[in-house]
C-alpha cells in the first residue's frame, strides 16, 4: 500500500482495510476528497482520472528521489 496527497485529494495505491470497517477494496487505486469525505469510504478515482494520474506522478517522483 502507498499514499500520495495534494491539497484536498488523497490517493491510495493497492488499498486494504486496516480497521474494522470491512471495506472491500476491489481496485488498484482509491481516491478520496478529504474535504467532503474524511471517512475515506467513497472512491472517486473513476470520475477523477486526471487527479489519479497527477497523484501517481507525485508518488513516482517521490520514489525516484528516495531510492536507496
N, C-alpha and C. Protein backbone atom coordinates (compact mmCIF):
# COMPACT_ATOMS: atom_id res chain seq x y z
N UNK A 1 0.85 -1.17 0.00
CA UNK A 1 0.00 0.00 0.00
C UNK A 1 0.90 1.23 0.00
N UNK A 2 0.48 2.25 -0.72
CA UNK A 2 1.16 3.54 -0.72
C UNK A 2 0.12 4.64 -0.80
N UNK A 3 0.53 5.86 -0.45
CA UNK A 3 -0.38 7.01 -0.48
C UNK A 3 0.33 8.22 -1.06
N UNK A 4 -0.46 9.08 -1.70
CA UNK A 4 0.03 10.37 -2.16
C UNK A 4 -1.07 11.38 -1.88
N UNK A 5 -0.67 12.57 -1.41
CA UNK A 5 -1.65 13.62 -1.10
C UNK A 5 -1.26 14.92 -1.76
N UNK A 6 -2.28 15.67 -2.15
CA UNK A 6 -2.08 17.01 -2.66
C UNK A 6 -3.37 17.78 -2.41
N UNK A 7 -3.28 18.79 -1.57
CA UNK A 7 -4.47 19.57 -1.24
C UNK A 7 -5.53 18.69 -0.60
N UNK A 8 -6.72 18.76 -1.15
CA UNK A 8 -7.85 18.00 -0.60
C UNK A 8 -7.87 16.54 -1.05
N UNK A 9 -6.98 16.17 -1.96
CA UNK A 9 -7.00 14.83 -2.55
C UNK A 9 -6.01 13.89 -1.89
N UNK A 10 -6.42 12.64 -1.75
CA UNK A 10 -5.56 11.57 -1.25
C UNK A 10 -5.78 10.35 -2.14
N UNK A 11 -4.69 9.83 -2.67
CA UNK A 11 -4.74 8.62 -3.50
C UNK A 11 -4.06 7.50 -2.75
N UNK A 12 -4.74 6.37 -2.67
CA UNK A 12 -4.19 5.18 -2.03
C UNK A 12 -4.00 4.13 -3.10
N UNK A 13 -2.77 3.66 -3.22
CA UNK A 13 -2.48 2.60 -4.18
C UNK A 13 -2.46 1.25 -3.49
N UNK A 14 -3.04 0.25 -4.12
CA UNK A 14 -3.13 -1.10 -3.56
C UNK A 14 -3.74 -1.07 -2.16
N UNK A 15 -4.93 -0.50 -2.05
CA UNK A 15 -5.53 -0.30 -0.72
C UNK A 15 -6.01 -1.59 -0.06
N UNK A 16 -6.01 -1.56 1.25
CA UNK A 16 -6.63 -2.62 2.04
C UNK A 16 -7.13 -2.00 3.34
N UNK A 17 -8.10 -2.62 3.95
CA UNK A 17 -8.72 -2.09 5.16
C UNK A 17 -7.92 -2.51 6.38
N UNK A 18 -7.42 -1.53 7.12
CA UNK A 18 -6.67 -1.85 8.34
C UNK A 18 -7.52 -1.67 9.59
N UNK A 19 -8.76 -1.25 9.41
CA UNK A 19 -9.66 -1.06 10.54
C UNK A 19 -10.73 -2.13 10.56
N UNK A 20 -11.78 -1.85 11.25
CA UNK A 20 -12.88 -2.80 11.36
C UNK A 20 -14.08 -2.38 10.54
N UNK A 21 -13.86 -1.56 9.50
CA UNK A 21 -14.97 -1.05 8.71
C UNK A 21 -15.44 -2.05 7.66
N UNK A 22 -14.65 -3.07 7.42
CA UNK A 22 -14.97 -4.11 6.44
C UNK A 22 -15.20 -3.54 5.05
N UNK A 23 -14.41 -2.53 4.69
CA UNK A 23 -14.46 -2.02 3.32
C UNK A 23 -13.88 -3.07 2.38
N UNK A 24 -14.47 -3.19 1.24
CA UNK A 24 -13.98 -4.15 0.24
C UNK A 24 -13.32 -3.38 -0.88
N UNK A 25 -12.01 -3.46 -0.95
CA UNK A 25 -11.25 -2.78 -1.99
C UNK A 25 -11.00 -3.75 -3.13
N UNK A 26 -11.70 -3.59 -4.22
CA UNK A 26 -11.50 -4.43 -5.39
C UNK A 26 -10.90 -3.61 -6.53
N UNK A 27 -10.06 -2.65 -6.17
CA UNK A 27 -9.45 -1.75 -7.14
C UNK A 27 -7.97 -1.57 -6.79
N UNK A 28 -7.21 -1.05 -7.77
CA UNK A 28 -5.80 -0.76 -7.54
C UNK A 28 -5.58 0.63 -6.96
N UNK A 29 -6.54 1.54 -7.22
CA UNK A 29 -6.40 2.91 -6.77
C UNK A 29 -7.68 3.38 -6.08
N UNK A 30 -7.53 4.06 -4.96
CA UNK A 30 -8.67 4.59 -4.19
C UNK A 30 -8.42 6.07 -3.98
N UNK A 31 -9.26 6.91 -4.56
CA UNK A 31 -9.11 8.36 -4.48
C UNK A 31 -10.20 8.95 -3.61
N UNK A 32 -9.80 9.79 -2.66
CA UNK A 32 -10.79 10.43 -1.80
C UNK A 32 -10.56 11.94 -1.76
N UNK A 33 -11.66 12.66 -1.56
CA UNK A 33 -11.63 14.09 -1.33
C UNK A 33 -11.77 14.27 0.18
N UNK A 34 -10.71 14.64 0.84
CA UNK A 34 -10.70 14.71 2.29
C UNK A 34 -11.59 15.81 2.85
N UNK A 35 -11.90 16.82 2.03
CA UNK A 35 -12.80 17.87 2.49
C UNK A 35 -14.24 17.39 2.56
N UNK A 36 -14.63 16.55 1.61
CA UNK A 36 -16.03 16.11 1.53
C UNK A 36 -16.28 14.75 2.18
N UNK A 37 -15.24 13.94 2.31
CA UNK A 37 -15.43 12.59 2.84
C UNK A 37 -14.24 12.20 3.72
N UNK A 38 -14.12 12.79 4.90
CA UNK A 38 -12.98 12.49 5.76
C UNK A 38 -12.92 11.04 6.22
N UNK A 39 -14.02 10.31 6.10
CA UNK A 39 -14.02 8.89 6.46
C UNK A 39 -13.40 8.01 5.40
N UNK A 40 -13.10 8.57 4.24
CA UNK A 40 -12.42 7.88 3.13
C UNK A 40 -13.16 6.63 2.66
N UNK A 41 -14.49 6.68 2.63
CA UNK A 41 -15.26 5.50 2.26
C UNK A 41 -15.79 5.53 0.82
N UNK A 42 -15.59 6.64 0.11
CA UNK A 42 -16.10 6.75 -1.25
C UNK A 42 -14.93 6.91 -2.22
N UNK A 43 -14.82 5.99 -3.18
CA UNK A 43 -13.75 6.03 -4.17
C UNK A 43 -14.16 6.92 -5.34
N UNK A 44 -13.39 7.98 -5.57
CA UNK A 44 -13.67 8.92 -6.64
C UNK A 44 -12.72 8.77 -7.83
N UNK A 45 -11.96 7.70 -7.87
CA UNK A 45 -10.96 7.51 -8.92
C UNK A 45 -11.57 7.47 -10.31
N UNK A 46 -12.68 6.80 -10.48
CA UNK A 46 -13.29 6.65 -11.81
C UNK A 46 -13.78 7.97 -12.38
N UNK A 47 -14.20 8.89 -11.53
CA UNK A 47 -14.74 10.16 -12.02
C UNK A 47 -13.70 11.28 -11.99
N UNK A 48 -12.49 10.98 -11.53
CA UNK A 48 -11.41 11.98 -11.49
C UNK A 48 -10.09 11.37 -11.97
N UNK A 49 -10.07 10.82 -13.18
CA UNK A 49 -8.83 10.16 -13.64
C UNK A 49 -7.64 11.11 -13.76
N UNK A 50 -7.90 12.40 -14.00
CA UNK A 50 -6.80 13.35 -14.09
C UNK A 50 -6.13 13.56 -12.74
N UNK A 51 -6.90 13.51 -11.67
CA UNK A 51 -6.33 13.64 -10.32
C UNK A 51 -5.53 12.38 -9.98
N UNK A 52 -6.06 11.22 -10.35
CA UNK A 52 -5.34 9.96 -10.13
C UNK A 52 -3.99 10.02 -10.84
N UNK A 53 -3.98 10.43 -12.10
CA UNK A 53 -2.73 10.50 -12.86
C UNK A 53 -1.74 11.48 -12.22
N UNK A 54 -2.24 12.64 -11.78
CA UNK A 54 -1.37 13.63 -11.15
C UNK A 54 -0.75 13.08 -9.86
N UNK A 55 -1.56 12.45 -9.03
CA UNK A 55 -1.05 11.94 -7.76
C UNK A 55 -0.16 10.72 -7.95
N UNK A 56 -0.41 9.91 -8.97
CA UNK A 56 0.51 8.82 -9.29
C UNK A 56 1.86 9.41 -9.68
N UNK A 57 1.85 10.52 -10.42
CA UNK A 57 3.09 11.19 -10.78
C UNK A 57 3.84 11.70 -9.56
N UNK A 58 3.11 12.26 -8.60
CA UNK A 58 3.71 12.72 -7.35
C UNK A 58 4.37 11.55 -6.64
N UNK A 59 3.68 10.44 -6.57
CA UNK A 59 4.22 9.26 -5.89
C UNK A 59 5.47 8.74 -6.60
N UNK A 60 5.42 8.62 -7.92
CA UNK A 60 6.57 8.09 -8.66
C UNK A 60 7.77 9.04 -8.57
N UNK A 61 7.54 10.34 -8.54
CA UNK A 61 8.62 11.30 -8.36
C UNK A 61 9.25 11.12 -6.98
N UNK A 62 8.41 10.92 -5.97
CA UNK A 62 8.91 10.69 -4.63
C UNK A 62 9.76 9.42 -4.58
N UNK A 63 9.29 8.36 -5.26
CA UNK A 63 10.06 7.12 -5.30
C UNK A 63 11.44 7.33 -5.89
N UNK A 64 11.50 8.07 -6.99
CA UNK A 64 12.77 8.33 -7.66
C UNK A 64 13.73 9.12 -6.78
N UNK A 65 13.23 10.07 -6.03
CA UNK A 65 14.11 10.90 -5.21
C UNK A 65 14.46 10.26 -3.89
N UNK A 66 13.79 9.16 -3.54
CA UNK A 66 14.05 8.48 -2.27
C UNK A 66 14.60 7.06 -2.45
N UNK A 67 15.18 6.79 -3.61
CA UNK A 67 15.81 5.48 -3.80
C UNK A 67 17.03 5.37 -2.90
N UNK A 68 17.24 4.19 -2.41
CA UNK A 68 18.41 3.96 -1.55
C UNK A 68 19.43 3.13 -2.25
